[in-house]
Amino acid sequence: MNQKKIMIIANDTTYTYNLRNEILERLVSDGYEVVIASHPLLFQNELKALGCRLVTMKTKRHSINPFSNLEMLFRYRRILSEEKPDLVLSYNIKPNVYGGIVCRLTGTHFLPNITGLGTPVENPGLMQKFSIFLYKTGVAGADCVFFQNEENRSFFVEHHMLRKGCPTHMLPGSGVSLKQHLLIPYPEQDDTIHFLFIARILKEKGIDLYLHAAEQICTKHKNVVFHICGLCDDSHYISRLQEAEKNGFVIYHGEQKNMAPFFEQAHCIVHPSYYPEGMSNVLLEAAAHGRPIIATNRAGCRETVDDGKSGYVIPIKDEDALVDALERFLSLSWEQKRDMGLAGRAKIEREFDRQFVVKAYIEEIEKVLH
């Protein structure tokens, strides 16, 4: 019997390794040839060590240039024509859309994962209509479509973006590796409380809200430190971060490959995002490490926290609500803060173990290929 080949297409190798390494490891152990077509960033050697082969697929994920996107379509067509995979697993918007179009043209089995709708879908208008058209075209030939939250699936159904009879499967986001993201002892009792923001420095991720809250809290409390970890390639925010750091409101650490020391130090992870994501991996990992979380009441965030038990859920784009949640957290005893973190870990174990995701994928792959 010929060895079956499965190709994974996603934005970049960092994303692929951090969030898909368990499924990759399982596929290799099950005897599949696994090829990854992604933009080459971090963890390339780690992916190769798992037994995967890498194919360079340079992408511009934020580009809206139609010629750039057309070039991406041709690149996927060339790669799939050369590799001839039996099945393609895709993640992220552009791989789902352009990879899906090529899979349909080549008759390749296709399992896309809707990891978020993207900002253009949020606001009614021509861009939304065009984005819906692209999504619909991309998943038209899918054998099954995976969703990470019910709101995204409802949007697809309401806007007739799925072909008639197309199976769908709900996943607990990307899940969390409970072996990799272990419960970390809560920071020892100390006079200083550390809050942590982890995300790309984007307006939609809530960075403005976080900076505002940091200034408000630090002006009132002298024993609080606000940390920021994440890539910043926007000159506007670079200058704002520098100014906030100069004033003593935040400490900006840049993009970090190893987040363990930051989770160990943090008393609470703050994620005031209103970005249209599938499920916030930052929040899943934070809760897995036993850290309370403050999240916004939007799909992909609210599912990760039990309000008042493992953290707080606040309205989106509400500066006062964020400051109030931070004040409430500061008023808790050390034991109450720690117990919030433990409640979050228990929730992750019940609902978001990544092995749930691996099992769902294996079942669908076996339906398609066997």
Protein backbone atom coordinates (compact mmCIF):
# COMPACT_ATOMS: atom_id res chain seq x y z
CA MET A 1 0.00 0.00 0.00
CA ASN A 2 1.34 3.45 -0.93
CA GLN A 3 2.03 5.79 1.96
CA LYS A 4 -0.65 8.47 2.22
CA LYS A 5 0.57 12.07 2.13
CA ILE A 6 -1.00 14.81 4.23
CA MET A 7 -0.09 18.45 3.71
CA ILE A 8 -0.57 21.15 6.34
CA ILE A 9 -0.84 24.74 5.12
CA ALA A 10 -0.85 27.60 7.63
CA ASN A 11 0.51 31.11 8.00
CA ASP A 12 3.92 30.24 9.42
CA THR A 13 6.06 27.58 11.10
CA THR A 14 5.83 29.22 14.54
CA TYR A 15 2.05 28.92 14.54
CA THR A 16 2.19 25.40 13.11
CA TYR A 17 4.58 24.04 15.70
CA ASN A 18 3.11 25.76 18.75
CA LEU A 19 -0.50 24.81 18.04
CA ARG A 20 -0.35 21.71 15.83
CA ASN A 21 2.64 19.69 17.03
CA GLU A 22 0.51 16.97 18.70
CA ILE A 23 -1.53 16.30 15.57
CA LEU A 24 1.66 16.31 13.48
CA GLU A 25 3.31 13.85 15.84
CA ARG A 26 0.24 11.58 15.73
CA LEU A 27 0.06 11.66 11.92
CA VAL A 28 3.72 10.73 11.58
CA SER A 29 3.36 7.91 14.12
CA ASP A 30 0.32 6.61 12.21
CA GLY A 31 2.49 6.23 9.11
CA TYR A 32 1.49 9.29 7.07
CA GLU A 33 3.98 11.35 5.13
CA VAL A 34 3.54 14.87 6.50
CA VAL A 35 4.48 17.95 4.49
CA ILE A 36 4.17 21.49 5.86
CA ALA A 37 3.78 24.46 3.53
CA SER A 38 4.21 27.60 5.64
CA HIS A 39 6.14 30.83 5.86
CA PRO A 40 9.50 29.94 7.46
CA LEU A 41 9.84 31.50 10.92
CA LEU A 42 10.70 29.81 14.24
CA PHE A 43 10.67 26.07 15.08
CA GLN A 44 11.70 24.78 11.66
CA ASN A 45 14.19 22.33 13.17
CA GLU A 46 11.62 21.17 15.72
CA LEU A 47 9.13 20.43 12.95
CA LYS A 48 11.74 18.45 11.05
CA ALA A 49 12.59 16.55 14.23
CA LEU A 50 8.95 15.46 14.44
CA GLY A 51 9.40 13.81 11.05
CA CYS A 52 7.78 16.47 8.90
CA ARG A 53 9.12 17.86 5.64
CA LEU A 54 8.98 21.61 5.09
CA VAL A 55 8.10 23.44 1.89
CA THR A 56 8.64 27.20 1.88
CA MET A 57 5.47 29.18 1.27
CA LYS A 58 6.21 32.85 1.82
CA THR A 59 3.07 34.76 2.69
CA LYS A 60 1.99 38.31 3.44
CA ARG A 61 -0.86 37.60 5.78
CA HIS A 62 -1.86 41.25 6.26
CA SER A 63 -1.69 42.18 2.57
CA ILE A 64 -4.93 43.11 0.81
CA ASN A 65 -3.17 43.65 -2.53
CA PRO A 66 -5.14 41.54 -5.05
CA PHE A 67 -2.01 40.83 -7.09
CA SER A 68 -0.20 39.55 -3.99
CA ASN A 69 -3.14 37.29 -3.15
CA LEU A 70 -3.32 36.06 -6.75
CA GLU A 71 0.37 35.21 -6.52
CA MET A 72 -0.37 33.19 -3.39
CA LEU A 73 -3.06 31.26 -5.27
CA PHE A 74 -0.55 30.32 -7.98
CA ARG A 75 2.02 29.31 -5.37
CA TYR A 76 -0.45 26.95 -3.73
CA ARG A 77 -1.34 25.56 -7.15
CA ARG A 78 2.33 24.92 -7.92
CA ILE A 79 3.03 23.30 -4.54
CA LEU A 80 -0.01 21.03 -4.66
CA SER A 81 0.75 20.06 -8.26
CA GLU A 82 4.29 19.10 -7.29
CA GLU A 83 3.48 17.34 -4.01
CA LYS A 84 0.13 15.74 -4.95
CA PRO A 85 -1.06 15.26 -1.35
CA ASP A 86 -3.95 12.92 -0.60
CA LEU A 87 -5.34 15.37 1.92
CA VAL A 88 -4.77 19.01 2.91
CA LEU A 89 -5.33 20.38 6.41
CA SER A 90 -5.47 24.17 6.47
CA TYR A 91 -5.47 26.85 9.16
CA ASN A 92 -5.76 30.66 9.08
CA ILE A 93 -7.76 32.76 6.64
CA LYS A 94 -5.64 32.92 3.49
CA PRO A 95 -4.57 29.25 3.56
CA ASN A 96 -8.23 28.32 4.04
CA VAL A 97 -9.34 30.48 1.13
CA TYR A 98 -6.58 30.15 -1.46
CA GLY A 99 -5.49 26.67 -0.44
CA GLY A 100 -9.12 25.61 -0.51
CA ILE A 101 -9.65 26.97 -4.01
CA VAL A 102 -6.65 25.01 -5.27
CA CYS A 103 -7.81 21.84 -3.51
CA ARG A 104 -11.15 22.14 -5.26
CA LEU A 105 -9.48 22.69 -8.64
CA THR A 106 -7.17 19.69 -8.16
CA GLY A 107 -9.76 17.41 -6.55
CA THR A 108 -7.74 17.14 -3.35
CA HIS A 109 -9.43 16.17 -0.09
CA PHE A 110 -9.61 19.24 2.15
CA LEU A 111 -10.23 19.83 5.88
CA PRO A 112 -10.10 23.57 6.76
CA ASN A 113 -10.11 24.94 10.30
CA ILE A 114 -11.84 28.31 10.77
CA THR A 115 -9.46 29.96 13.25
CA GLY A 116 -11.35 33.26 13.11
CA LEU A 117 -13.33 35.33 10.64
CA GLY A 118 -10.93 38.25 10.31
CA THR A 119 -11.52 41.97 10.76
CA PRO A 120 -13.04 42.63 7.27
CA VAL A 121 -15.98 40.37 8.15
CA GLU A 122 -16.84 42.40 11.24
CA ASN A 123 -18.19 45.51 9.48
CA PRO A 124 -21.00 45.46 6.90
CA GLY A 125 -20.05 46.77 3.47
CA LEU A 126 -18.34 45.80 0.25
CA MET A 127 -15.28 44.37 2.01
CA GLN A 128 -17.47 42.12 4.13
CA LYS A 129 -19.36 40.89 1.06
CA PHE A 130 -16.08 40.20 -0.73
CA SER A 131 -14.63 38.39 2.31
CA ILE A 132 -17.74 36.24 2.62
CA PHE A 133 -17.47 35.38 -1.08
CA LEU A 134 -13.81 34.35 -0.62
CA TYR A 135 -14.56 32.20 2.43
CA LYS A 136 -17.46 30.53 0.65
CA THR A 137 -15.33 29.82 -2.42
CA GLY A 138 -12.47 28.51 -0.30
CA VAL A 139 -14.48 25.95 1.69
CA ALA A 140 -16.83 24.95 -1.14
CA GLY A 141 -14.98 21.69 -1.75
CA ALA A 142 -14.23 20.81 1.88
CA ASP A 143 -14.91 17.31 3.14
CA CYS A 144 -15.62 18.79 6.58
CA VAL A 145 -15.16 22.25 8.11
CA PHE A 146 -13.80 22.60 11.65
CA PHE A 147 -14.95 25.54 13.78
CA GLN A 148 -13.51 26.85 17.04
CA ASN A 149 -16.56 28.68 18.38
CA GLU A 150 -20.29 28.52 17.81
CA GLU A 151 -20.56 32.16 16.74
CA ASN A 152 -18.28 31.55 13.74
CA ARG A 153 -20.25 28.48 12.68
CA SER A 154 -23.54 30.37 13.00
CA PHE A 155 -22.12 33.16 10.83
CA PHE A 156 -21.21 30.66 8.10
CA VAL A 157 -24.66 29.07 8.24
CA GLU A 158 -26.57 32.38 8.28
CA HIS A 159 -24.61 33.71 5.30
CA HIS A 160 -24.92 30.45 3.33
CA MET A 161 -21.14 29.99 3.18
CA LEU A 162 -21.26 26.19 3.42
CA ARG A 163 -22.34 23.94 0.58
CA LYS A 164 -25.51 21.98 1.20
CA GLY A 165 -24.81 18.93 3.32
CA CYS A 166 -21.25 19.93 4.22
CA PRO A 167 -20.32 18.34 7.57
CA THR A 168 -19.05 20.62 10.34
CA HIS A 169 -17.23 19.79 13.55
CA MET A 170 -16.90 21.99 16.63
CA LEU A 171 -13.49 21.99 18.32
CA PRO A 172 -12.38 23.43 21.69
CA GLY A 173 -10.22 25.93 19.87
CA SER A 174 -6.75 24.58 19.19
CA GLY A 175 -6.84 22.95 22.61
CA VAL A 176 -3.92 23.04 25.01
CA SER A 177 -1.11 20.55 25.48
CA LEU A 178 -1.45 19.69 29.16
CA LYS A 179 2.00 18.05 29.05
CA GLN A 180 3.65 21.17 27.68
CA HIS A 181 1.61 23.75 29.59
CA LEU A 182 1.87 22.46 33.12
CA LEU A 183 0.28 23.92 36.22
CA ILE A 184 2.81 26.44 37.56
CA PRO A 185 2.91 27.25 41.29
CA TYR A 186 1.30 30.60 41.96
CA PRO A 187 3.81 33.39 42.71
CA GLU A 188 4.76 33.56 46.36
CA GLN A 189 3.10 36.22 48.47
CA ASP A 190 4.68 39.56 47.73
CA ASP A 191 3.75 43.21 47.84
CA THR A 192 4.03 43.54 44.04
CA ILE A 193 1.35 42.26 41.63
CA HIS A 194 2.30 41.52 38.01
CA PHE A 195 -0.22 41.73 35.16
CA LEU A 196 0.70 40.35 31.73
CA PHE A 197 -0.52 41.16 28.20
CA ILE A 198 0.49 38.67 25.47
CA ALA A 199 -0.44 39.40 21.86
CA ARG A 200 0.67 41.04 18.67
CA ILE A 201 0.58 44.77 19.29
CA LEU A 202 -2.63 45.55 17.42
CA LYS A 203 -5.47 47.91 18.23
CA GLU A 204 -7.98 45.04 17.95
CA LYS A 205 -6.05 43.00 20.51
CA GLY A 206 -6.87 45.69 23.07
CA ILE A 207 -3.44 47.26 23.51
CA ASP A 208 -4.93 50.79 23.82
CA LEU A 209 -7.24 49.59 26.57
CA TYR A 210 -4.37 47.89 28.38
CA LEU A 211 -2.13 50.97 28.20
CA HIS A 212 -4.95 53.17 29.49
CA ALA A 213 -5.68 50.78 32.37
CA ALA A 214 -1.99 50.52 33.25
CA GLU A 215 -1.74 54.28 33.57
CA GLN A 216 -4.89 54.48 35.70
CA ILE A 217 -3.86 51.68 38.05
CA CYS A 218 -0.19 52.67 38.36
CA THR A 219 -1.18 56.23 39.20
CA LYS A 220 -3.21 54.90 42.12
CA HIS A 221 -1.18 51.85 43.18
CA LYS A 222 2.60 51.75 43.56
CA ASN A 223 2.94 47.98 43.86
CA VAL A 224 1.63 46.95 40.43
CA VAL A 225 3.62 46.15 37.26
CA PHE A 226 2.10 45.80 33.79
CA HIS A 227 4.11 43.61 31.39
CA ILE A 228 3.69 43.33 27.60
CA CYS A 229 5.00 40.54 25.38
CA GLY A 230 4.37 40.54 21.65
CA LEU A 231 5.62 41.53 18.24
CA CYS A 232 5.22 45.20 17.36
CA ASP A 233 5.81 46.29 13.77
CA ASP A 234 3.70 49.46 13.90
CA SER A 235 5.75 52.64 14.38
CA HIS A 236 2.77 54.32 16.07
CA TYR A 237 2.66 51.72 18.81
CA ILE A 238 6.43 51.48 19.14
CA SER A 239 6.55 55.14 20.17
CA ARG A 240 3.54 54.73 22.48
CA LEU A 241 5.11 51.74 24.21
CA GLN A 242 8.34 53.62 24.66
CA GLU A 243 6.50 56.57 26.18
CA ALA A 244 4.47 54.36 28.53
CA GLU A 245 7.63 52.55 29.60
CA LYS A 246 9.43 55.84 30.17
CA ASN A 247 6.57 56.95 32.44
CA GLY A 248 6.79 53.72 34.43
CA PHE A 249 3.39 52.36 33.43
CA VAL A 250 4.50 49.24 31.53
CA ILE A 251 7.50 47.06 30.76
CA TYR A 252 7.66 45.98 27.12
CA HIS A 253 9.59 42.74 26.53
CA GLY A 254 9.07 42.37 22.77
CA GLU A 255 8.36 39.03 21.12
CA GLN A 256 9.41 36.06 23.25
CA LYS A 257 10.06 32.49 22.18
CA ASN A 258 10.03 31.17 25.74
CA MET A 259 7.08 32.47 27.73
CA ALA A 260 7.61 30.28 30.81
CA PRO A 261 9.39 32.92 32.95
CA PHE A 262 6.64 35.45 32.24
CA PHE A 263 3.84 33.06 33.18
CA GLU A 264 5.73 32.13 36.35
CA GLN A 265 5.95 35.78 37.40
CA ALA A 266 2.41 36.80 36.41
CA HIS A 267 -0.47 36.94 38.87
CA CYS A 268 -3.05 37.53 36.12
CA ILE A 269 -3.18 37.58 32.30
CA VAL A 270 -5.14 40.44 30.77
CA HIS A 271 -6.57 40.06 27.25
CA PRO A 272 -8.95 42.94 26.39
CA SER A 273 -9.20 41.79 22.78
CA TYR A 274 -12.00 42.43 20.33
CA TYR A 275 -10.13 40.75 17.48
CA PRO A 276 -12.29 38.21 15.57
CA GLU A 277 -10.38 35.03 16.48
CA GLY A 278 -11.49 31.43 16.69
CA MET A 279 -10.33 30.77 20.25
CA SER A 280 -7.70 32.72 22.15
CA ASN A 281 -4.66 30.50 22.61
CA VAL A 282 -3.15 33.05 24.99
CA LEU A 283 -6.07 32.59 27.37
CA LEU A 284 -6.09 28.80 27.05
CA GLU A 285 -2.38 28.59 27.85
CA ALA A 286 -2.64 31.09 30.70
CA ALA A 287 -5.45 29.14 32.35
CA ALA A 288 -3.57 25.86 31.80
CA HIS A 289 -0.66 27.35 33.75
CA GLY A 290 -3.01 28.18 36.61
CA ARG A 291 -3.27 31.91 36.05
CA PRO A 292 -6.48 33.92 36.47
CA ILE A 293 -7.53 35.70 33.28
CA ILE A 294 -9.40 38.89 32.44
CA ALA A 295 -11.07 38.46 29.05
CA THR A 296 -13.62 40.26 26.92
CA ASN A 297 -17.18 39.13 26.28
CA ARG A 298 -16.68 38.09 22.69
CA ALA A 299 -16.55 34.76 20.89
CA GLY A 300 -13.17 33.11 21.27
CA CYS A 301 -12.48 34.76 24.63
CA ARG A 302 -15.50 34.36 26.90
CA GLU A 303 -15.53 30.57 26.46
CA THR A 304 -12.18 30.28 28.25
CA VAL A 305 -13.20 31.77 31.61
CA ASP A 306 -15.90 31.22 34.21
CA ASP A 307 -16.71 34.77 35.27
CA GLY A 308 -15.96 35.38 38.93
CA LYS A 309 -14.52 31.90 39.38
CA SER A 310 -11.44 31.61 37.15
CA GLY A 311 -11.25 35.28 36.21
CA TYR A 312 -13.43 38.10 34.94
CA VAL A 313 -15.35 38.70 31.71
CA ILE A 314 -15.70 42.36 30.71
CA PRO A 315 -17.52 44.19 27.88
CA ILE A 316 -15.44 44.86 24.77
CA LYS A 317 -13.86 48.30 24.24
CA ASP A 318 -14.78 49.36 27.78
CA GLU A 319 -11.87 51.11 29.51
CA ASP A 320 -13.75 51.64 32.77
CA ALA A 321 -14.80 47.98 32.96
CA LEU A 322 -11.20 46.87 32.51
CA VAL A 323 -9.96 49.19 35.25
CA ASP A 324 -12.77 47.98 37.53
CA ALA A 325 -11.85 44.32 36.88
CA LEU A 326 -8.21 45.04 37.70
CA GLU A 327 -9.23 46.78 40.92
CA ARG A 328 -11.44 43.84 41.88
CA PHE A 329 -8.56 41.47 41.28
CA LEU A 330 -6.18 43.59 43.35
CA SER A 331 -8.65 43.53 46.25
CA LEU A 332 -8.59 39.72 46.44
CA SER A 333 -6.47 37.89 48.98
CA TRP A 334 -3.48 35.86 47.80
CA GLU A 335 -5.46 32.66 48.41
CA GLN A 336 -8.40 33.90 46.34
CA LYS A 337 -6.12 34.82 43.46
CA ARG A 338 -4.43 31.42 43.58
CA ASP A 339 -7.79 29.61 43.73
CA MET A 340 -8.95 31.49 40.63
CA GLY A 341 -5.92 30.12 38.80
CA LEU A 342 -6.60 26.58 40.00
CA ALA A 343 -10.22 26.85 38.83
CA GLY A 344 -8.94 27.90 35.41
CA ARG A 345 -6.62 24.89 35.20
CA ALA A 346 -9.49 22.55 36.12
CA LYS A 347 -11.65 24.10 33.37
CA ILE A 348 -8.92 23.55 30.78
CA GLU A 349 -8.52 19.91 31.79
CA ARG A 350 -12.28 19.36 31.48
CA GLU A 351 -12.94 21.22 28.26
CA PHE A 352 -9.79 22.15 26.31
CA ASP A 353 -7.30 19.26 26.39
CA ARG A 354 -5.62 19.23 22.97
CA GLN A 355 -6.07 15.48 22.79
CA PHE A 356 -9.78 16.21 22.15
CA VAL A 357 -8.67 18.04 19.00
CA VAL A 358 -6.28 15.29 17.92
CA LYS A 359 -9.03 12.68 18.31
CA ALA A 360 -11.47 14.72 16.22
CA TYR A 361 -8.92 15.16 13.43
CA ILE A 362 -7.93 11.50 13.32
CA GLU A 363 -11.58 10.45 13.10
CA GLU A 364 -12.24 12.81 10.16
CA ILE A 365 -9.01 11.89 8.37
CA GLU A 366 -9.84 8.19 8.61
CA LYS A 367 -13.31 8.86 7.19
CA VAL A 368 -11.80 10.66 4.21
CA LEU A 369 -8.80 8.45 3.42
CA HIS A 370 -9.95 4.97 4.41
